[in-house]
């Protein structure tokens, strides 16, 4: 019999990730492989896989009207995104499970980018979500108005 270990949740059970607020999200390449490009002379140079991920992040606002991408950066083995959820209407993107809006967006980004990269390049490519609670709080203090809550 195969025994599966319980997956660690990357979100707080008590938090509604569909509610309006600011969010910082980091999505990493599977096994932290540097598949998205390289850094040369302190500049990020995207390769073809990195360009696909870059384009898919740029597409998010077209499909998720309540999500505003404030800023993002594609790094060799991960993507950082600062985003804001606005309004309260339901998400129009259908999923099999009842995910919150943020989870739906991350799942879509991972699925679409991974499928396109695997189809074009036949790599064992995958994206995973990681959680940087303390990093987020230090990084964003100066970017977010004081009366807004930072959601992680």
N, C-alpha and C. Protein backbone atom coordinates (compact mmCIF):
# COMPACT_ATOMS: atom_id res chain seq x y z
N UNK A 1 0.83 -1.17 0.00
CA UNK A 1 0.00 0.00 0.00
C UNK A 1 0.89 1.25 0.00
N UNK A 2 0.54 2.22 -0.83
CA UNK A 2 1.29 3.47 -0.91
C UNK A 2 0.76 4.43 0.14
N UNK A 3 1.67 5.00 0.90
CA UNK A 3 1.30 5.97 1.93
C UNK A 3 1.78 7.34 1.47
N UNK A 4 0.85 8.27 1.39
CA UNK A 4 1.18 9.62 0.98
C UNK A 4 1.30 10.50 2.21
N UNK A 5 2.32 11.34 2.23
CA UNK A 5 2.45 12.26 3.36
C UNK A 5 1.48 13.42 3.15
N UNK A 6 1.03 13.97 4.25
CA UNK A 6 0.09 15.07 4.17
C UNK A 6 0.82 16.32 3.68
N UNK A 7 0.24 16.97 2.69
CA UNK A 7 0.83 18.16 2.12
C UNK A 7 0.69 19.35 3.05
N UNK A 8 1.76 20.12 3.21
CA UNK A 8 1.73 21.32 4.05
C UNK A 8 0.97 22.42 3.31
N UNK A 9 -0.02 23.00 3.96
CA UNK A 9 -0.76 24.10 3.35
C UNK A 9 0.09 25.36 3.35
N UNK A 10 0.05 26.10 2.26
CA UNK A 10 0.81 27.34 2.14
C UNK A 10 -0.01 28.56 2.51
N UNK A 11 -1.14 28.34 3.13
CA UNK A 11 -2.00 29.46 3.49
C UNK A 11 -2.61 29.20 4.87
N UNK A 12 -3.08 30.26 5.48
CA UNK A 12 -3.70 30.17 6.79
C UNK A 12 -5.13 29.67 6.63
N UNK A 13 -5.52 28.71 7.42
CA UNK A 13 -6.88 28.15 7.33
C UNK A 13 -7.94 29.20 7.67
N UNK A 14 -7.61 30.12 8.53
CA UNK A 14 -8.59 31.11 9.00
C UNK A 14 -8.76 32.30 8.06
N UNK A 15 -7.96 32.41 7.04
CA UNK A 15 -7.99 33.59 6.17
C UNK A 15 -8.77 33.32 4.89
N UNK A 16 -9.56 34.29 4.47
CA UNK A 16 -10.30 34.22 3.21
C UNK A 16 -9.46 34.92 2.15
N UNK A 17 -8.85 34.15 1.27
CA UNK A 17 -7.95 34.71 0.26
C UNK A 17 -8.70 35.25 -0.96
N UNK A 18 -9.99 35.45 -0.83
CA UNK A 18 -10.77 36.11 -1.87
C UNK A 18 -11.08 37.55 -1.49
N UNK A 19 -10.84 37.90 -0.24
CA UNK A 19 -11.23 39.23 0.21
C UNK A 19 -10.24 40.28 -0.29
N UNK A 20 -10.72 41.52 -0.45
CA UNK A 20 -9.85 42.59 -0.92
C UNK A 20 -8.65 42.78 -0.01
N UNK A 21 -7.52 43.12 -0.61
CA UNK A 21 -6.30 43.38 0.14
C UNK A 21 -5.08 43.23 -0.74
N UNK A 22 -3.92 43.44 -0.13
CA UNK A 22 -2.63 43.33 -0.79
C UNK A 22 -2.04 41.96 -0.49
N UNK A 23 -1.44 41.35 -1.48
CA UNK A 23 -0.84 40.02 -1.31
C UNK A 23 0.53 39.98 -1.97
N UNK A 24 1.44 39.25 -1.33
CA UNK A 24 2.75 38.99 -1.91
C UNK A 24 2.84 37.49 -2.12
N UNK A 25 3.12 37.09 -3.35
CA UNK A 25 3.13 35.67 -3.71
C UNK A 25 4.46 35.34 -4.37
N UNK A 26 5.04 34.22 -4.00
CA UNK A 26 6.23 33.71 -4.66
C UNK A 26 5.91 32.33 -5.21
N UNK A 27 6.15 32.15 -6.49
CA UNK A 27 5.96 30.86 -7.15
C UNK A 27 7.33 30.40 -7.63
N UNK A 28 7.73 29.18 -7.25
CA UNK A 28 9.06 28.67 -7.57
C UNK A 28 9.02 27.56 -8.60
N UNK A 29 10.13 27.40 -9.28
CA UNK A 29 10.29 26.25 -10.18
C UNK A 29 10.42 24.98 -9.34
N UNK A 30 9.90 23.91 -9.85
CA UNK A 30 9.99 22.61 -9.19
C UNK A 30 11.45 22.30 -8.90
N UNK A 31 11.73 21.84 -7.68
CA UNK A 31 13.07 21.50 -7.23
C UNK A 31 14.04 22.69 -7.29
N UNK A 32 13.50 23.91 -7.34
CA UNK A 32 14.29 25.15 -7.36
C UNK A 32 15.30 25.20 -8.51
N UNK A 33 14.98 24.54 -9.62
CA UNK A 33 15.88 24.57 -10.78
C UNK A 33 15.82 25.94 -11.45
N UNK A 34 16.94 26.42 -11.91
CA UNK A 34 17.03 27.72 -12.58
C UNK A 34 16.65 27.58 -14.05
N UNK A 35 15.37 27.41 -14.31
CA UNK A 35 14.88 27.19 -15.67
C UNK A 35 14.43 28.46 -16.37
N UNK A 36 14.32 29.57 -15.66
CA UNK A 36 13.70 30.75 -16.25
C UNK A 36 14.69 31.76 -16.80
N UNK A 37 15.96 31.54 -16.58
CA UNK A 37 16.97 32.46 -17.10
C UNK A 37 18.18 32.49 -16.19
N UNK A 38 18.95 33.58 -16.33
CA UNK A 38 20.15 33.72 -15.50
C UNK A 38 20.40 35.20 -15.23
N UNK A 39 21.22 35.44 -14.24
CA UNK A 39 21.60 36.81 -13.90
C UNK A 39 23.02 37.06 -14.39
N UNK A 40 23.16 38.11 -15.19
CA UNK A 40 24.47 38.52 -15.70
C UNK A 40 24.61 40.01 -15.46
N UNK A 41 25.72 40.42 -14.87
CA UNK A 41 25.98 41.84 -14.58
C UNK A 41 24.81 42.48 -13.85
N UNK A 42 24.30 41.79 -12.85
CA UNK A 42 23.17 42.27 -12.03
C UNK A 42 21.89 42.50 -12.82
N UNK A 43 21.75 41.88 -13.97
CA UNK A 43 20.54 41.97 -14.79
C UNK A 43 19.96 40.58 -14.98
N UNK A 44 18.65 40.47 -14.89
CA UNK A 44 17.98 39.20 -15.14
C UNK A 44 17.80 39.04 -16.64
N UNK A 45 18.32 37.94 -17.18
CA UNK A 45 18.19 37.63 -18.60
C UNK A 45 17.22 36.45 -18.72
N UNK A 46 16.02 36.71 -19.22
CA UNK A 46 15.03 35.65 -19.36
C UNK A 46 15.36 34.77 -20.55
N UNK A 47 15.24 33.47 -20.38
CA UNK A 47 15.34 32.56 -21.53
C UNK A 47 13.92 32.33 -22.06
N UNK A 48 13.74 31.42 -23.00
CA UNK A 48 12.42 31.19 -23.59
C UNK A 48 11.38 30.77 -22.54
N UNK A 49 11.79 29.95 -21.58
CA UNK A 49 10.86 29.52 -20.54
C UNK A 49 10.48 30.69 -19.64
N UNK A 50 11.44 31.51 -19.29
CA UNK A 50 11.18 32.69 -18.48
C UNK A 50 10.26 33.68 -19.18
N UNK A 51 10.43 33.80 -20.50
CA UNK A 51 9.55 34.70 -21.27
C UNK A 51 8.11 34.21 -21.26
N UNK A 52 7.92 32.91 -21.30
CA UNK A 52 6.56 32.34 -21.23
C UNK A 52 5.93 32.68 -19.88
N UNK A 53 6.66 32.47 -18.80
CA UNK A 53 6.13 32.78 -17.47
C UNK A 53 5.84 34.28 -17.36
N UNK A 54 6.74 35.11 -17.87
CA UNK A 54 6.54 36.56 -17.87
C UNK A 54 5.23 36.94 -18.57
N UNK A 55 5.00 36.36 -19.74
CA UNK A 55 3.78 36.65 -20.50
C UNK A 55 2.53 36.18 -19.77
N UNK A 56 2.60 35.01 -19.15
CA UNK A 56 1.43 34.48 -18.43
C UNK A 56 1.10 35.33 -17.20
N UNK A 57 2.11 35.84 -16.51
CA UNK A 57 1.83 36.74 -15.38
C UNK A 57 1.16 38.01 -15.90
N UNK A 58 1.63 38.52 -17.03
CA UNK A 58 1.01 39.70 -17.63
C UNK A 58 -0.44 39.46 -18.05
N UNK A 59 -0.81 38.22 -18.32
CA UNK A 59 -2.18 37.87 -18.72
C UNK A 59 -3.16 37.82 -17.56
N UNK A 60 -2.67 37.77 -16.34
CA UNK A 60 -3.55 37.54 -15.19
C UNK A 60 -4.70 38.53 -15.14
N UNK A 61 -4.43 39.81 -15.32
CA UNK A 61 -5.48 40.82 -15.19
C UNK A 61 -6.56 40.69 -16.25
N UNK A 62 -6.25 40.10 -17.40
CA UNK A 62 -7.28 39.89 -18.43
C UNK A 62 -8.32 38.88 -17.98
N UNK A 63 -7.92 37.89 -17.22
CA UNK A 63 -8.82 36.81 -16.81
C UNK A 63 -9.37 36.99 -15.41
N UNK A 64 -8.68 37.74 -14.59
CA UNK A 64 -9.09 37.97 -13.20
C UNK A 64 -9.26 39.47 -13.00
N UNK A 65 -10.45 39.96 -13.23
CA UNK A 65 -10.72 41.40 -13.20
C UNK A 65 -10.53 42.00 -11.81
N UNK A 66 -10.65 41.19 -10.76
CA UNK A 66 -10.49 41.70 -9.40
C UNK A 66 -9.04 41.72 -8.95
N UNK A 67 -8.13 41.17 -9.74
CA UNK A 67 -6.72 41.14 -9.36
C UNK A 67 -5.94 42.18 -10.16
N UNK A 68 -5.22 43.03 -9.44
CA UNK A 68 -4.36 44.03 -10.05
C UNK A 68 -2.92 43.66 -9.72
N UNK A 69 -2.12 43.43 -10.75
CA UNK A 69 -0.70 43.14 -10.55
C UNK A 69 0.00 44.47 -10.34
N UNK A 70 0.48 44.70 -9.15
CA UNK A 70 1.18 45.95 -8.83
C UNK A 70 2.60 45.90 -9.38
N UNK A 71 3.26 44.79 -9.17
CA UNK A 71 4.62 44.60 -9.68
C UNK A 71 4.95 43.12 -9.62
N UNK A 72 5.88 42.70 -10.43
CA UNK A 72 6.37 41.32 -10.37
C UNK A 72 7.76 41.26 -10.98
N UNK A 73 8.47 40.22 -10.60
CA UNK A 73 9.80 40.01 -11.17
C UNK A 73 9.99 38.51 -11.36
N UNK A 74 10.49 38.16 -12.54
CA UNK A 74 10.83 36.76 -12.83
C UNK A 74 12.32 36.61 -12.56
N UNK A 75 12.66 35.67 -11.71
CA UNK A 75 14.05 35.38 -11.35
C UNK A 75 14.42 34.01 -11.94
N UNK A 76 15.68 33.59 -11.85
CA UNK A 76 16.07 32.33 -12.48
C UNK A 76 15.24 31.11 -12.05
N UNK A 77 14.82 31.06 -10.78
CA UNK A 77 14.08 29.88 -10.34
C UNK A 77 12.78 30.22 -9.60
N UNK A 78 12.32 31.45 -9.69
CA UNK A 78 11.07 31.81 -9.04
C UNK A 78 10.52 33.13 -9.59
N UNK A 79 9.28 33.42 -9.21
CA UNK A 79 8.61 34.67 -9.59
C UNK A 79 8.02 35.28 -8.33
N UNK A 80 8.31 36.56 -8.08
CA UNK A 80 7.69 37.30 -6.99
C UNK A 80 6.60 38.17 -7.60
N UNK A 81 5.44 38.21 -6.94
CA UNK A 81 4.33 39.06 -7.40
C UNK A 81 3.75 39.83 -6.23
N UNK A 82 3.59 41.13 -6.40
CA UNK A 82 2.84 41.96 -5.48
C UNK A 82 1.52 42.25 -6.18
N UNK A 83 0.42 41.86 -5.56
CA UNK A 83 -0.86 42.07 -6.21
C UNK A 83 -1.90 42.55 -5.22
N UNK A 84 -2.98 43.06 -5.77
CA UNK A 84 -4.07 43.56 -4.96
C UNK A 84 -5.37 42.95 -5.45
N UNK A 85 -6.18 42.48 -4.52
CA UNK A 85 -7.53 42.03 -4.86
C UNK A 85 -8.47 43.17 -4.50
N UNK A 86 -9.32 43.55 -5.46
CA UNK A 86 -10.26 44.65 -5.27
C UNK A 86 -11.67 44.14 -5.49
N UNK A 87 -12.67 44.81 -4.94
CA UNK A 87 -14.05 44.45 -5.16
C UNK A 87 -14.44 43.14 -4.49
N UNK A 88 -15.70 42.74 -4.70
CA UNK A 88 -16.21 41.54 -4.03
C UNK A 88 -16.94 40.58 -4.94
N UNK A 89 -17.05 40.89 -6.23
CA UNK A 89 -17.80 39.98 -7.11
C UNK A 89 -17.06 38.65 -7.24
N UNK A 90 -17.80 37.63 -7.65
CA UNK A 90 -17.25 36.28 -7.78
C UNK A 90 -16.28 36.18 -8.95
N UNK A 91 -15.35 35.28 -8.87
CA UNK A 91 -14.39 35.01 -9.93
C UNK A 91 -15.09 34.24 -11.05
N UNK A 92 -14.84 34.61 -12.30
CA UNK A 92 -15.51 33.96 -13.43
C UNK A 92 -14.79 32.71 -13.91
N UNK A 93 -13.56 32.47 -13.44
CA UNK A 93 -12.80 31.30 -13.86
C UNK A 93 -13.29 30.10 -13.06
N UNK A 94 -13.77 29.07 -13.77
CA UNK A 94 -14.31 27.88 -13.11
C UNK A 94 -13.20 26.92 -12.72
N UNK A 95 -13.37 26.30 -11.56
CA UNK A 95 -12.46 25.25 -11.11
C UNK A 95 -13.30 24.13 -10.51
N UNK A 96 -12.72 22.94 -10.43
CA UNK A 96 -13.44 21.79 -9.88
C UNK A 96 -13.69 21.94 -8.38
N UNK A 97 -12.72 22.49 -7.68
CA UNK A 97 -12.85 22.68 -6.23
C UNK A 97 -13.24 24.11 -5.94
N UNK A 98 -13.69 24.36 -4.74
CA UNK A 98 -14.09 25.69 -4.33
C UNK A 98 -12.90 26.46 -3.77
N UNK A 99 -11.99 26.87 -4.63
CA UNK A 99 -10.81 27.62 -4.22
C UNK A 99 -11.17 29.08 -4.00
N UNK A 100 -10.38 29.78 -3.18
CA UNK A 100 -10.51 31.22 -3.07
C UNK A 100 -9.91 31.86 -4.32
N UNK A 101 -10.17 33.14 -4.53
CA UNK A 101 -9.72 33.82 -5.74
C UNK A 101 -8.21 33.76 -5.92
N UNK A 102 -7.46 34.02 -4.86
CA UNK A 102 -6.00 33.99 -4.97
C UNK A 102 -5.52 32.59 -5.35
N UNK A 103 -6.08 31.57 -4.74
CA UNK A 103 -5.70 30.19 -5.06
C UNK A 103 -6.03 29.85 -6.50
N UNK A 104 -7.19 30.31 -6.98
CA UNK A 104 -7.57 30.07 -8.38
C UNK A 104 -6.56 30.69 -9.33
N UNK A 105 -6.17 31.93 -9.05
CA UNK A 105 -5.23 32.64 -9.92
C UNK A 105 -3.88 31.93 -9.93
N UNK A 106 -3.39 31.54 -8.77
CA UNK A 106 -2.08 30.87 -8.70
C UNK A 106 -2.14 29.53 -9.42
N UNK A 107 -3.22 28.77 -9.19
CA UNK A 107 -3.38 27.48 -9.85
C UNK A 107 -3.41 27.66 -11.37
N UNK A 108 -4.15 28.65 -11.84
CA UNK A 108 -4.22 28.91 -13.29
C UNK A 108 -2.86 29.28 -13.86
N UNK A 109 -2.15 30.18 -13.18
CA UNK A 109 -0.82 30.59 -13.65
C UNK A 109 0.10 29.38 -13.75
N UNK A 110 0.13 28.57 -12.70
CA UNK A 110 0.99 27.39 -12.69
C UNK A 110 0.60 26.42 -13.80
N UNK A 111 -0.69 26.16 -13.95
CA UNK A 111 -1.16 25.21 -14.96
C UNK A 111 -0.85 25.67 -16.38
N UNK A 112 -1.22 26.91 -16.68
CA UNK A 112 -1.05 27.43 -18.04
C UNK A 112 0.42 27.52 -18.43
N UNK A 113 1.25 28.08 -17.55
CA UNK A 113 2.68 28.21 -17.86
C UNK A 113 3.34 26.83 -17.98
N UNK A 114 3.03 25.93 -17.07
CA UNK A 114 3.64 24.60 -17.08
C UNK A 114 3.24 23.83 -18.34
N UNK A 115 1.95 23.86 -18.69
CA UNK A 115 1.50 23.14 -19.89
C UNK A 115 2.15 23.68 -21.15
N UNK A 116 2.23 25.00 -21.27
CA UNK A 116 2.85 25.59 -22.46
C UNK A 116 4.33 25.24 -22.55
N UNK A 117 5.03 25.32 -21.44
CA UNK A 117 6.46 25.01 -21.44
C UNK A 117 6.70 23.53 -21.73
N UNK A 118 5.90 22.67 -21.12
CA UNK A 118 6.07 21.23 -21.38
C UNK A 118 5.76 20.90 -22.83
N UNK A 119 4.73 21.53 -23.39
CA UNK A 119 4.35 21.27 -24.78
C UNK A 119 5.45 21.72 -25.75
N UNK A 120 6.03 22.88 -25.51
CA UNK A 120 7.02 23.42 -26.43
C UNK A 120 8.42 22.86 -26.22
N UNK A 121 8.76 22.55 -24.97
CA UNK A 121 10.15 22.20 -24.67
C UNK A 121 10.33 20.82 -24.06
N UNK A 122 9.24 20.13 -23.76
CA UNK A 122 9.27 18.76 -23.23
C UNK A 122 10.17 18.61 -22.01
N UNK A 123 10.09 19.54 -21.14
CA UNK A 123 10.89 19.48 -19.92
C UNK A 123 10.03 18.98 -18.77
N UNK A 124 10.65 18.47 -17.75
CA UNK A 124 9.94 18.09 -16.54
C UNK A 124 9.77 19.35 -15.70
N UNK A 125 9.10 20.32 -16.30
CA UNK A 125 8.96 21.64 -15.70
C UNK A 125 7.75 21.66 -14.79
N UNK A 126 7.85 22.36 -13.69
CA UNK A 126 6.72 22.55 -12.80
C UNK A 126 6.92 23.77 -11.95
N UNK A 127 5.82 24.36 -11.51
CA UNK A 127 5.85 25.51 -10.62
C UNK A 127 5.16 25.13 -9.32
N UNK A 128 5.70 25.63 -8.20
CA UNK A 128 5.10 25.38 -6.90
C UNK A 128 4.98 26.71 -6.16
N UNK A 129 4.05 26.78 -5.24
CA UNK A 129 3.86 27.99 -4.44
C UNK A 129 4.64 27.85 -3.14
N UNK A 130 5.33 28.93 -2.75
CA UNK A 130 5.98 28.93 -1.44
C UNK A 130 5.52 30.15 -0.65
N UNK A 131 5.81 30.17 0.62
CA UNK A 131 5.29 31.17 1.53
C UNK A 131 6.45 31.91 2.20
N UNK A 132 6.46 33.23 2.10
CA UNK A 132 7.50 34.05 2.70
C UNK A 132 6.87 35.11 3.60
N UNK A 133 6.25 34.72 4.69
CA UNK A 133 5.51 35.68 5.53
C UNK A 133 6.39 36.82 6.06
N UNK A 134 7.50 36.49 6.67
CA UNK A 134 8.32 37.54 7.27
C UNK A 134 8.99 38.41 6.20
N UNK A 135 9.47 37.79 5.12
CA UNK A 135 10.07 38.53 4.02
C UNK A 135 9.07 39.55 3.49
N UNK A 136 7.84 39.13 3.32
CA UNK A 136 6.79 40.01 2.82
C UNK A 136 6.62 41.23 3.71
N UNK A 137 6.55 41.03 5.00
CA UNK A 137 6.30 42.15 5.90
C UNK A 137 7.41 43.18 5.85
N UNK A 138 8.65 42.73 5.76
CA UNK A 138 9.78 43.67 5.68
C UNK A 138 9.81 44.38 4.34
N UNK A 139 9.58 43.65 3.27
CA UNK A 139 9.71 44.20 1.92
C UNK A 139 8.65 45.26 1.62
N UNK A 140 7.43 45.06 2.07
CA UNK A 140 6.33 45.89 1.59
C UNK A 140 5.91 47.03 2.50
N UNK A 141 6.56 47.18 3.64
CA UNK A 141 6.12 48.23 4.58
C UNK A 141 6.07 49.61 3.93
N UNK A 142 7.03 49.92 3.08
CA UNK A 142 7.07 51.26 2.48
C UNK A 142 6.19 51.38 1.23
N UNK A 143 5.73 50.28 0.65
CA UNK A 143 4.95 50.34 -0.59
C UNK A 143 3.46 50.40 -0.36
N UNK A 144 2.98 50.04 0.81
CA UNK A 144 1.55 49.93 1.05
C UNK A 144 1.10 51.00 2.01
N UNK A 145 -0.01 51.69 1.70
CA UNK A 145 -0.51 52.70 2.61
C UNK A 145 -0.71 52.11 4.01
N UNK A 146 -0.45 52.89 5.04
CA UNK A 146 -0.46 52.39 6.42
C UNK A 146 -1.79 51.80 6.84
N UNK A 147 -2.89 52.29 6.33
CA UNK A 147 -4.18 51.80 6.79
C UNK A 147 -4.61 50.52 6.10
N UNK A 148 -3.85 50.04 5.12
CA UNK A 148 -4.16 48.77 4.44
C UNK A 148 -3.47 47.62 5.14
N UNK A 149 -4.15 46.51 5.20
CA UNK A 149 -3.59 45.31 5.81
C UNK A 149 -2.81 44.53 4.75
N UNK A 150 -1.65 44.03 5.11
CA UNK A 150 -0.89 43.16 4.23
C UNK A 150 -1.37 41.75 4.46
N UNK A 151 -1.82 41.09 3.42
CA UNK A 151 -2.32 39.73 3.53
C UNK A 151 -1.33 38.76 2.94
N UNK A 152 -1.10 37.66 3.64
CA UNK A 152 -0.12 36.68 3.19
C UNK A 152 -0.72 35.30 3.17
